[in-house]
Structure formats: C-alpha cells, structure tokens
Protein backbone atom coordinates (compact mmCIF):
# COMPACT_ATOMS: atom_id res chain seq x y z
CA UNK A 1 -25.29 13.83 9.71
CA UNK A 2 -22.62 14.20 12.58
CA UNK A 3 -20.11 16.96 12.02
CA UNK A 4 -16.47 16.10 12.47
CA UNK A 5 -16.19 18.59 15.24
CA UNK A 6 -19.71 19.22 17.20
CA UNK A 7 -20.44 21.09 20.86
CA UNK A 8 -21.91 18.12 22.64
CA UNK A 9 -23.60 18.02 26.14
CA UNK A 10 -22.14 15.59 28.82
CA UNK A 11 -25.24 13.02 29.77
CA UNK A 12 -23.21 10.41 31.81
CA UNK A 13 -19.98 10.45 33.76
CA UNK A 14 -18.73 6.61 34.66
CA UNK A 15 -15.98 5.78 37.12
CA UNK A 16 -13.43 3.19 35.98
CA UNK A 17 -11.37 0.72 38.13
CA UNK A 18 -8.01 -0.91 38.13
CA UNK A 19 -7.65 -4.17 40.45
CA UNK A 20 -10.71 -3.18 41.88
CA UNK A 21 -10.05 0.42 43.08
CA UNK A 22 -11.59 3.56 41.48
CA UNK A 23 -9.24 5.39 39.33
CA UNK A 24 -7.98 8.80 41.10
CA UNK A 25 -7.46 10.91 38.08
CA UNK A 26 -9.74 9.44 35.14
CA UNK A 27 -13.22 8.78 34.32
CA UNK A 28 -15.26 7.93 31.47
CA UNK A 29 -17.47 10.65 29.79
CA UNK A 30 -20.70 9.99 27.48
CA UNK A 31 -22.30 12.50 25.81
CA UNK A 32 -25.43 13.49 23.36
CA UNK A 33 -24.84 15.48 20.06
CA UNK A 34 -26.35 18.64 19.17
CA UNK A 35 -29.40 16.75 17.82
CA UNK A 36 -30.07 15.23 21.10
CA UNK A 37 -29.02 11.55 19.85
CA UNK A 38 -26.78 9.61 21.95
CA UNK A 39 -23.31 9.01 21.06
CA UNK A 40 -21.97 5.70 21.56
CA UNK A 41 -18.44 6.29 22.02
CA UNK A 42 -16.73 6.32 25.59
CA UNK A 43 -13.98 9.13 26.19
CA UNK A 44 -11.55 9.18 29.03
CA UNK A 45 -11.16 12.32 30.72
CA UNK A 46 -9.62 14.14 33.52
CA UNK A 47 -11.80 13.54 36.75
CA UNK A 48 -13.84 16.51 37.80
CA UNK A 49 -13.21 18.35 34.38
CA UNK A 50 -16.85 17.81 33.51
CA UNK A 51 -20.21 17.35 35.36
CA UNK A 52 -23.87 16.16 33.91
CA UNK A 53 -24.97 18.80 31.49
CA UNK A 54 -21.49 20.19 31.09
CA UNK A 55 -20.87 21.46 27.16
CA UNK A 56 -17.73 20.14 25.27
CA UNK A 57 -16.07 20.38 22.12
CA UNK A 58 -15.81 16.75 20.51
CA UNK A 59 -13.20 15.82 17.74
CA UNK A 60 -14.18 12.57 15.89
CA UNK A 61 -11.79 9.73 15.56
CA UNK A 62 -10.04 9.56 11.88
CA UNK A 63 -9.84 13.17 11.60
CA UNK A 64 -6.24 15.21 12.10
CA UNK A 65 -5.63 17.76 14.65
CA UNK A 66 -4.15 21.02 13.47
CA UNK A 67 -0.82 22.23 15.19
CA UNK A 68 -2.59 25.18 16.85
CA UNK A 69 -1.95 25.81 20.56
CA UNK A 70 -5.37 24.22 21.71
CA UNK A 71 -3.94 21.05 21.02
CA UNK A 72 -0.55 21.27 22.37
CA UNK A 73 -1.40 18.76 25.25
CA UNK A 74 -2.43 15.89 22.52
CA UNK A 75 0.39 16.89 19.74
CA UNK A 76 3.18 17.26 22.10
CA UNK A 77 2.58 16.56 25.94
CA UNK A 78 5.16 17.90 27.98
CA UNK A 79 6.61 19.52 25.01
CA UNK A 80 7.54 16.46 23.45
CA UNK A 81 5.78 15.10 20.39
CA UNK A 82 7.31 11.82 20.92
CA UNK A 83 5.06 11.18 23.62
CA UNK A 84 1.72 11.82 21.37
CA UNK A 85 -0.96 9.01 21.09
CA UNK A 86 -2.09 10.48 17.92
CA UNK A 87 -1.51 8.73 14.73
CA UNK A 88 0.06 9.83 11.40
CA UNK A 89 -0.59 13.47 10.67
CA UNK A 90 -2.13 14.15 14.07
CA UNK A 91 -4.76 11.37 13.51
CA UNK A 92 -7.07 11.12 16.23
CA UNK A 93 -7.03 7.19 17.26
CA UNK A 94 -8.36 4.87 19.67
CA UNK A 95 -6.23 4.88 22.67
CA UNK A 96 -6.20 1.74 24.90
CA UNK A 97 -6.78 2.34 28.78
CA UNK A 98 -5.67 -0.49 31.37
CA UNK A 99 -8.47 0.43 33.19
CA UNK A 100 -12.23 -1.27 33.24
CA UNK A 101 -15.66 -0.49 34.31
CA UNK A 102 -17.20 -1.96 37.50
CA UNK A 103 -17.66 -5.95 37.19
CA UNK A 104 -15.69 -6.09 34.41
CA UNK A 105 -12.15 -7.24 33.54
CA UNK A 106 -12.03 -5.72 29.68
CA UNK A 107 -9.81 -2.85 28.94
CA UNK A 108 -11.43 0.66 28.31
CA UNK A 109 -10.79 2.23 24.77
CA UNK A 110 -11.46 6.00 24.72
CA UNK A 111 -12.55 7.38 21.13
CA UNK A 112 -11.99 10.96 19.87
CA UNK A 113 -10.96 14.17 21.77
CA UNK A 114 -13.02 15.97 24.31
CA UNK A 115 -12.35 19.72 25.48
CA UNK A 116 -14.34 21.95 27.50
CA UNK A 117 -16.37 24.35 25.40
CA UNK A 118 -15.12 27.13 27.65
CA UNK A 119 -11.29 26.40 26.77
CA UNK A 120 -12.18 26.35 22.98
CA UNK A 121 -14.62 29.62 23.36
CA UNK A 122 -11.17 31.27 24.78
CA UNK A 123 -8.83 30.29 22.23
CA UNK A 124 -10.94 31.20 19.25
CA UNK A 125 -12.37 34.44 20.84
CA UNK A 126 -15.73 33.65 20.27
CA UNK A 127 -18.82 31.55 21.08
CA UNK A 128 -17.67 27.81 19.56
CA UNK A 129 -21.10 26.61 19.25
CA UNK A 130 -22.79 29.51 16.70
CA UNK A 131 -20.57 28.31 13.41
CA UNK A 132 -19.12 24.98 12.28
CA UNK A 133 -15.73 25.28 13.81
CA UNK A 134 -14.19 22.32 12.15
CA UNK A 135 -12.40 24.74 9.80
CA UNK A 136 -11.66 27.46 12.31
CA UNK A 137 -9.55 24.60 14.49
CA UNK A 138 -7.94 23.43 11.32
CA UNK A 139 -9.32 19.67 11.68
CA UNK A 140 -9.30 17.64 8.58
CA UNK A 141 -10.20 14.53 7.55
CA UNK A 142 -7.71 11.63 7.35
CA UNK A 143 -6.82 9.72 4.04
CA UNK A 144 -3.98 7.01 3.27
CA UNK A 145 -2.67 8.50 -0.22
CA UNK A 146 -3.83 6.41 -3.32
CA UNK A 147 -0.36 6.13 -4.62
CA UNK A 148 0.28 1.99 -4.47
CA UNK A 149 -1.28 0.32 -7.40
CA UNK A 150 -2.81 3.48 -8.84
CA UNK A 151 -2.42 4.23 -12.39
CA UNK A 152 -3.78 7.03 -14.95
CA UNK A 153 -6.77 9.07 -13.61
CA UNK A 154 -9.98 10.05 -16.44
CA UNK A 155 -11.45 12.69 -13.76
CA UNK A 156 -13.02 12.92 -10.58
CA UNK A 157 -15.50 10.69 -8.86
CA UNK A 158 -18.80 10.49 -10.65
CA UNK A 159 -21.37 12.59 -9.33
CA UNK A 160 -24.21 10.19 -9.37
CA UNK A 161 -22.34 7.95 -7.23
CA UNK A 162 -22.09 8.17 -3.22
CA UNK A 163 -18.65 7.66 -1.83
CA UNK A 164 -18.62 4.22 0.49
CA UNK A 165 -17.19 5.62 3.48
CA UNK A 166 -19.46 4.38 6.05
CA UNK A 167 -20.65 6.40 9.11
CA UNK A 168 -19.65 5.02 12.52
CA UNK A 169 -21.95 2.66 14.27
CA UNK A 170 -21.34 4.94 17.57
CA UNK A 171 -22.56 8.17 16.05
CA UNK A 172 -25.78 6.51 15.32
CA UNK A 173 -26.51 4.87 18.64
CA UNK A 174 -30.06 6.43 18.85
CA UNK A 175 -31.17 5.36 15.36
CA UNK A 176 -29.66 1.66 15.85
CA UNK A 177 -31.64 1.47 19.22
CA UNK A 178 -35.10 2.15 17.45
CA UNK A 179 -34.22 -0.56 14.89
CA UNK A 180 -33.45 -2.92 17.62
CA UNK A 181 -36.53 -4.49 17.98
CA UNK A 182 -36.17 -8.14 17.81
CA UNK A 183 -37.63 -8.19 14.56
CA UNK A 184 -35.18 -6.01 12.18
CA UNK A 185 -32.84 -8.53 10.25
CA UNK A 186 -29.26 -6.91 10.05
CA UNK A 187 -26.54 -8.41 8.25
CA UNK A 188 -23.09 -8.10 9.42
CA UNK A 189 -20.02 -8.69 7.32
CA UNK A 190 -16.12 -8.45 7.69
CA UNK A 191 -14.39 -5.07 6.96
CA UNK A 192 -11.33 -5.74 4.74
CA UNK A 193 -8.59 -2.86 5.23
CA UNK A 194 -8.10 -1.84 1.37
CA UNK A 195 -9.06 0.65 -0.76
CA UNK A 196 -12.80 1.33 -2.20
CA UNK A 197 -13.62 -0.24 -5.71
CA UNK A 198 -16.87 0.91 -7.67
CA UNK A 199 -17.32 -0.39 -11.45
CA UNK A 200 -20.35 1.08 -12.73
CA UNK A 201 -22.65 0.28 -16.11
CA UNK A 202 -24.57 3.40 -16.92
CA UNK A 203 -26.66 4.13 -19.96
CA UNK A 204 -25.76 7.56 -21.55
CA UNK A 205 -27.58 8.07 -24.97
CA UNK A 206 -28.70 4.59 -25.37
CA UNK A 207 -25.01 3.22 -25.13
CA UNK A 208 -23.52 1.63 -21.99
CA UNK A 209 -20.48 3.73 -20.50
CA UNK A 210 -18.30 1.30 -18.35
CA UNK A 211 -16.38 3.32 -15.60
CA UNK A 212 -13.89 2.14 -12.61
CA UNK A 213 -13.62 4.57 -9.64
CA UNK A 214 -11.30 4.30 -6.65
CA UNK A 215 -12.32 5.98 -3.27
CA UNK A 216 -12.31 9.57 -5.16
CA UNK A 217 -11.14 9.29 -8.71
CA UNK A 218 -12.20 7.74 -11.94
CA UNK A 219 -9.65 5.87 -13.98
CA UNK A 220 -8.70 5.32 -17.34
CA UNK A 221 -9.98 1.88 -18.77
CA UNK A 222 -6.95 1.72 -20.95
CA UNK A 223 -3.92 2.33 -18.65
CA UNK A 224 -1.20 2.94 -21.28
CA UNK A 225 1.32 6.15 -20.78
CA UNK A 226 3.15 7.81 -23.65
CA UNK A 227 6.68 7.91 -22.82
CA UNK A 228 8.39 9.35 -25.78
CA UNK A 229 8.05 10.28 -29.42
CA UNK A 230 10.42 9.22 -32.49
CA UNK A 231 10.21 11.21 -35.74
CA UNK A 232 10.48 9.71 -39.43
CA UNK A 233 14.43 9.82 -38.81
CA UNK A 234 14.57 7.88 -35.71
CA UNK A 235 15.39 11.05 -33.64
CA UNK A 236 13.64 11.02 -30.06
CA UNK A 237 11.36 13.44 -28.25
CA UNK A 238 11.21 13.33 -24.44
CA UNK A 239 8.92 14.98 -22.07
CA UNK A 240 10.07 18.80 -21.46
CA UNK A 241 9.22 21.92 -19.65
CA UNK A 242 10.08 24.94 -21.57
CA UNK A 243 12.44 26.88 -18.48
CA UNK A 244 11.21 30.30 -20.13
CA UNK A 245 7.32 29.42 -20.95
CA UNK A 246 6.95 26.92 -18.49
CA UNK A 247 4.84 25.05 -21.59
CA UNK A 248 4.79 21.40 -21.10
CA UNK A 249 5.79 19.48 -24.38
CA UNK A 250 8.40 17.09 -26.01
CA UNK A 251 12.05 18.01 -26.94
CA UNK A 252 14.21 16.35 -29.40
CA UNK A 253 18.03 16.99 -27.93
CA UNK A 254 19.88 15.95 -31.31
CA UNK A 255 17.64 18.48 -33.04
CA UNK A 256 17.34 21.22 -30.65
CA UNK A 257 13.63 21.02 -31.12
CA UNK A 258 10.66 21.75 -29.10
CA UNK A 259 7.04 20.81 -29.55
CA UNK A 260 3.90 21.46 -27.55
CA UNK A 261 1.36 18.81 -27.45
CA UNK A 262 -0.42 20.43 -30.51
CA UNK A 263 2.18 19.63 -32.55
CA UNK A 264 2.81 15.95 -32.47
CA UNK A 265 1.17 14.91 -35.80
CA UNK A 266 4.16 13.77 -37.68
CA UNK A 267 5.54 11.93 -34.62
CA UNK A 268 5.22 8.28 -33.45
CA UNK A 269 4.12 7.82 -29.92
CA UNK A 270 5.65 4.88 -27.60
CA UNK A 271 3.46 3.31 -25.19
CA UNK A 272 4.16 1.58 -21.92
CA UNK A 273 1.20 -0.15 -19.83
CA UNK A 274 1.00 1.18 -16.65
CA UNK A 275 0.08 -0.56 -13.38
CA UNK A 276 -3.41 0.16 -11.70
CA UNK A 277 -4.97 -2.28 -9.50
CA UNK A 278 -8.30 -1.13 -9.78
CA UNK A 279 -8.83 -1.70 -13.08
CA UNK A 280 -6.27 -4.67 -13.47
CA UNK A 281 -8.90 -6.20 -10.96
CA UNK A 282 -11.90 -5.17 -12.71
CA UNK A 283 -10.76 -6.91 -15.80
CA UNK A 284 -8.99 -9.94 -14.23
CA UNK A 285 -12.01 -10.77 -11.94
CA UNK A 286 -14.12 -10.67 -14.91
CA UNK A 287 -16.51 -7.95 -13.50
CA UNK A 288 -16.19 -5.69 -16.50
CA UNK A 289 -16.91 -8.13 -19.36
CA UNK A 290 -19.65 -10.21 -17.08
CA UNK A 291 -21.06 -7.07 -15.65
CA UNK A 292 -21.71 -5.26 -19.01
CA UNK A 293 -23.47 -8.66 -20.22
CA UNK A 294 -25.55 -9.08 -17.12
CA UNK A 295 -26.83 -5.57 -17.53
CA UNK A 296 -27.72 -5.90 -20.96
CA UNK A 297 -29.42 -8.94 -20.65
CA UNK A 298 -31.56 -7.80 -17.66
CA UNK A 299 -32.00 -3.97 -18.99
CA UNK A 300 -30.31 -2.75 -15.77
CA UNK A 301 -27.92 -0.05 -14.89
CA UNK A 302 -25.67 -1.09 -12.02
CA UNK A 303 -22.77 -0.18 -9.95
CA UNK A 304 -20.76 -2.58 -8.35
CA UNK A 305 -19.10 -1.51 -4.87
CA UNK A 306 -16.33 -3.32 -3.30
CA UNK A 307 -13.03 -3.35 -1.71
CA UNK A 308 -9.62 -4.18 -3.24
CA UNK A 309 -6.95 -5.72 -0.63
CA UNK A 310 -3.64 -7.28 -0.60
CA UNK A 311 -0.19 -6.77 -1.71
CA UNK A 312 0.96 -3.31 -2.53
CA UNK A 313 -2.42 -1.89 -1.30
CA UNK A 314 -1.88 -0.07 2.02
CA UNK A 315 -5.56 0.58 2.90
CA UNK A 316 -5.43 2.13 6.23
CA UNK A 317 -1.75 1.99 6.25
CA UNK A 318 -1.82 -0.29 9.37
CA UNK A 319 1.11 -2.75 9.56
CA UNK A 320 -1.29 -5.37 11.22
CA UNK A 321 -3.51 -5.55 8.43
CA UNK A 322 -4.03 -9.54 8.01
CA UNK A 323 -4.57 -9.27 4.22
CA UNK A 324 -1.24 -7.27 3.29
CA UNK A 325 0.43 -10.27 2.34
CA UNK A 326 -2.35 -11.72 0.38
CA UNK A 327 -2.63 -11.84 -3.58
CA UNK A 328 -4.68 -8.82 -4.35
CA UNK A 329 -8.22 -9.24 -4.43
CA UNK A 330 -11.21 -7.52 -4.99
CA UNK A 331 -14.53 -8.42 -3.17
CA UNK A 332 -17.85 -7.15 -3.70
CA UNK A 333 -20.01 -5.70 -0.76
CA UNK A 334 -22.82 -3.82 -2.59
CA UNK A 335 -24.63 -3.48 -5.38
CA UNK A 336 -26.48 -0.38 -6.69
CA UNK A 337 -29.14 0.64 -8.89
CA UNK A 338 -28.27 3.69 -11.31
CA UNK A 339 -31.58 3.57 -13.36
CA UNK A 340 -32.89 6.56 -11.64
CA UNK A 341 -30.13 8.86 -12.31
CA UNK A 342 -28.09 8.39 -9.06
CA UNK A 343 -26.73 5.41 -7.12
CA UNK A 344 -29.34 3.39 -4.64
CA UNK A 345 -28.20 0.18 -2.61
CA UNK A 346 -30.20 -2.70 -3.46
CA UNK A 347 -30.48 -4.68 -0.46
CA UNK A 348 -31.56 -8.15 0.17
CA UNK A 349 -35.33 -7.39 -0.64
CA UNK A 350 -34.21 -6.94 -4.47
CA UNK A 351 -34.19 -9.51 -7.11
CA UNK A 352 -30.64 -8.64 -8.04
CA UNK A 353 -28.85 -8.21 -4.96
CA UNK A 354 -25.46 -8.68 -4.12
CA UNK A 355 -25.35 -12.51 -3.48
CA UNK A 356 -27.72 -13.25 -6.45
CA UNK A 357 -25.46 -10.81 -8.93
CA UNK A 358 -22.40 -12.06 -7.86
CA UNK A 359 -23.10 -16.00 -7.88
CA UNK A 360 -24.46 -15.23 -11.10
CA UNK A 361 -20.99 -13.70 -12.41
CA UNK A 362 -19.07 -15.81 -10.32
CA UNK A 363 -17.45 -13.06 -8.04
CA UNK A 364 -16.34 -12.72 -4.70
CA UNK A 365 -18.47 -11.12 -2.19
CA UNK A 366 -18.95 -10.70 1.50
CA UNK A 367 -21.03 -13.20 2.84
CA UNK A 368 -23.28 -11.64 6.08
CA UNK A 369 -24.30 -13.34 9.02
CA UNK A 370 -27.52 -12.70 10.24
CA UNK A 371 -29.13 -11.30 13.50
CA UNK A 372 -32.46 -9.88 15.03
CA UNK A 373 -30.89 -8.32 18.13
CA UNK A 374 -33.53 -6.65 20.77
CA UNK A 375 -31.11 -4.20 21.70
CA UNK A 376 -28.17 -2.03 21.13
CA UNK A 377 -25.95 -3.71 23.28
CA UNK A 378 -26.94 -7.32 21.65
CA UNK A 379 -25.88 -5.95 18.22
CA UNK A 380 -22.71 -4.74 19.71
CA UNK A 381 -21.62 -8.02 21.39
CA UNK A 382 -22.71 -9.91 18.05
CA UNK A 383 -20.06 -7.90 16.15
CA UNK A 384 -17.83 -8.40 18.80
CA UNK A 385 -18.26 -12.10 18.83
CA UNK A 386 -17.43 -12.06 15.20
CA UNK A 387 -14.14 -9.92 15.90
CA UNK A 388 -13.13 -12.35 18.41
CA UNK A 389 -13.89 -15.48 16.52
CA UNK A 390 -11.36 -13.86 13.67
CA UNK A 391 -8.71 -13.16 16.37
CA UNK A 392 -8.80 -16.64 17.53
CA UNK A 393 -7.93 -17.72 13.93
CA UNK A 394 -4.92 -15.17 14.13
CA UNK A 395 -6.46 -12.38 12.40
CA UNK A 396 -7.02 -8.89 13.98
CA UNK A 397 -9.48 -7.65 11.70
CA UNK A 398 -10.32 -3.70 10.99
CA UNK A 399 -13.98 -4.20 11.88
CA UNK A 400 -17.51 -5.12 10.61
CA UNK A 401 -20.09 -3.75 8.29
CA UNK A 402 -23.58 -3.61 9.91
CA UNK A 403 -26.56 -3.27 7.15
CA UNK A 404 -30.19 -3.74 7.55
CA UNK A 405 -30.43 -6.83 5.44
CA UNK A 406 -33.70 -6.12 4.06
CA UNK A 407 -34.18 -2.51 3.98
CA UNK A 408 -31.69 0.66 3.24
CA UNK A 409 -32.48 1.83 7.11
CA UNK A 410 -28.92 1.44 8.20
CA UNK A 411 -25.46 1.07 6.44
CA UNK A 412 -22.57 1.58 9.08
CA UNK A 413 -19.20 0.67 10.07
CA UNK A 414 -18.27 -1.18 13.60
CA UNK A 415 -14.69 -0.68 14.12
CA UNK A 416 -12.54 -3.03 16.13
CA UNK A 417 -10.42 -0.65 18.46
CA UNK A 418 -7.66 -3.36 19.50
CA UNK A 419 -6.95 -3.21 15.45
CA UNK A 420 -6.71 0.87 15.37
CA UNK A 421 -5.04 1.20 18.64
CA UNK A 422 -2.35 -1.00 17.27
CA UNK A 423 -0.88 1.28 14.75
C-alpha cells in the first residue's frame, strides 16, 4: 500500500509548452514509488531541480501539510498565506497550469507536493528514507467533519468492516497496466460527492444485528435524545455539570437538587427526535426493513455500501458539488458478504451482486458502464469521456469509480482534476 509520504525516484522529465514555446522555468516530473510501481500523477516542478534517478519526497493529494518551515513555500509563498494554493487546513489539492504537453492543448494538472530528498534530510536532521516520515513531518489525512445531518453515536466503526475510501487510480498504475489486457471487464460508475454509508445485517448468536454506519462511526438506530427530566411534582431537571466535582448529571433549580445519571429512577425523561441523515435514509429508502427480510429469506449476512448526498450533506465541502441542492439521497455502490466474519465485496460474478439485490429491494444504485481496455491510457480516456459527458450536461462531477466487474482485482477512484482545482 502506498504511504501518504514516500521517498520516490524520478524516472521521467517532460517539457511543457505554452503557445508552442517550451516553458523556461517549469517541467513535469514522473516517478516510481519505493516498491518500484509507477505513479500515474504528473507533478509540476522547477526546471533543473531534478534529474533522472533523483530521489524526492512525495506527499499525496488530500493530505494536509503542517506549519513547519519546510513547507513555507506552499503554505505562505513570499510570506503571504493568501498566496497559498492549498485547500482548507493546508490540504494538498490539484493545481491547474495553463501549459500543455507537446502536440496537445489540454491544460496540465499537478498532483501532490514534491521536494528534493536532500532538502527534507537537512530539515529533519537524518536520512528520510529510513523511517515512515509521515508523522515526523506532521502530515495528516484531510477529512471533512461529520456534522451536517449527524445524530447520536453508538460506537466506533465495526472492526469486521473495511472503510470504503478507495485508493487513487494514479497510485495503482502498474497494477492497472497488467489488468488492461483487452479481456478484463471494468465497470465504471459516477462518484457522487457525499458521505459514506453502510447498513449491515450480521448474525450474532443466531439473531440478526442491524447496524447503520457513517465513514468512521456506528449510529444509534433509535435517534432520540433526553432533554430534561421531571419529578412527580413537575419539577424540571436540566443537564448540568457539578462545578466542584465536574461530574455530569441533572439539576433542579427550584429544589437546588443535583442528580447523577445513576439517581434518575424516580424521574420521568422527556425525549426529542434527533436528525440523523444516515439512519433516516436507511429507513426511508426501505433498506433496513427490506434488507433484513432479504437476508433472512436467503440465509445471508450482508453489508450494503453506499453514498448519501444532497441538501445539508457537505461531502468534500466543494461548493461546486452538482448534487448539493438535491433532495437527500442514498445510492448503493456495493454489496459485501459478512458470512466469513469479515467484509468481502460481492462482484458481478456473484448471484447476489449489486444490481440483482438492489432491483429486488427497489433501492437506488450506481449503474456501471462497461469497458475492456487494452492499455492504461485507454481506460483513462474512457473515464475522461464519462466526465466530459457529464460536463456537457452541466455537471462537473467529482470523478468516477473503477472496478473489475467480475472479480475483486481492482477497486479505485479516478478523480476529476477540474473539480478538485475549483475548490
């Protein structure tokens, strides 16, 4: 697996052009990861800074730079933070350059941050290739906070499920090249900019447990919160923290009486409904009731993977999100089998594939466009054509998801650089 920060080796330097003339000060760098795999990203760098075989420190897109001096040229160019081309929280994003490759007019997008290894070694005072330097450099993954439409939490994300944050296509170039043999079928679906959703049905001690999860948390199925309590004489107890002991509990102003959470048996709780888009959509779509019945009928343990998006759901936070003003929607993009004790994707070779199950239950799901490419570049062109087709209809989409249709050999995301660069 590719790390957020890696020492890489430059294997290609490509000149760039504007109005037919070669750029004086910049060029595109391509490189290989530490494991020898090729990276599919282009990175714009200062001309003459690297040679073929040069070692460099590469920081992936969607990660946040820390405020250390090493990154000053990115976080505050010319000592002016307003000139930074990073996103929120110093997030590394795609940057558009109005230069092109030879015999092309398409703009070039630069992905990630590249620094000479010697510069990093000097800053940290040791060889940066000996350790995982992600923590040393203070690099963190960017995640939009789960706030909008979020309610009561039951616990952490279950250990038997994997998180659905796909690897980027460009990090898997070597693997994709091997799969593009003209015979392997790929399914490509539109990636909606929303929040991950999982509803699972798992047998525990002979009984089905139903769970609803966001990207990193499991939700309470009953979204009701206690706002206050009343005693037999209608005295009101509200939430309170004891200023001396810092103990949380409930306090009645009229009686000057404090109760801990263990001293409430004689009181009557007042409940209010809490808004939680993950749970609401799991119920309103029919997923919970129909999914449970389907699993019981067929003797299955399944996890339904999807995306919730629409009004009030920020997704990546991109203000150009084409779905941001639509009605909140849950659309499934995968079905996993849980019968082996862990989550395993059911591809289209399975009897219980995404289309079969979702049609049976009346659920919305992503419909793949199929292709059998003979090269990495052909698959890129196919993905770009889907993105372009959406743009012609007035939708600048976040990207697409690529999966081997009849196997689990590949599942990754192919991002639209124009969408990211518009943030």
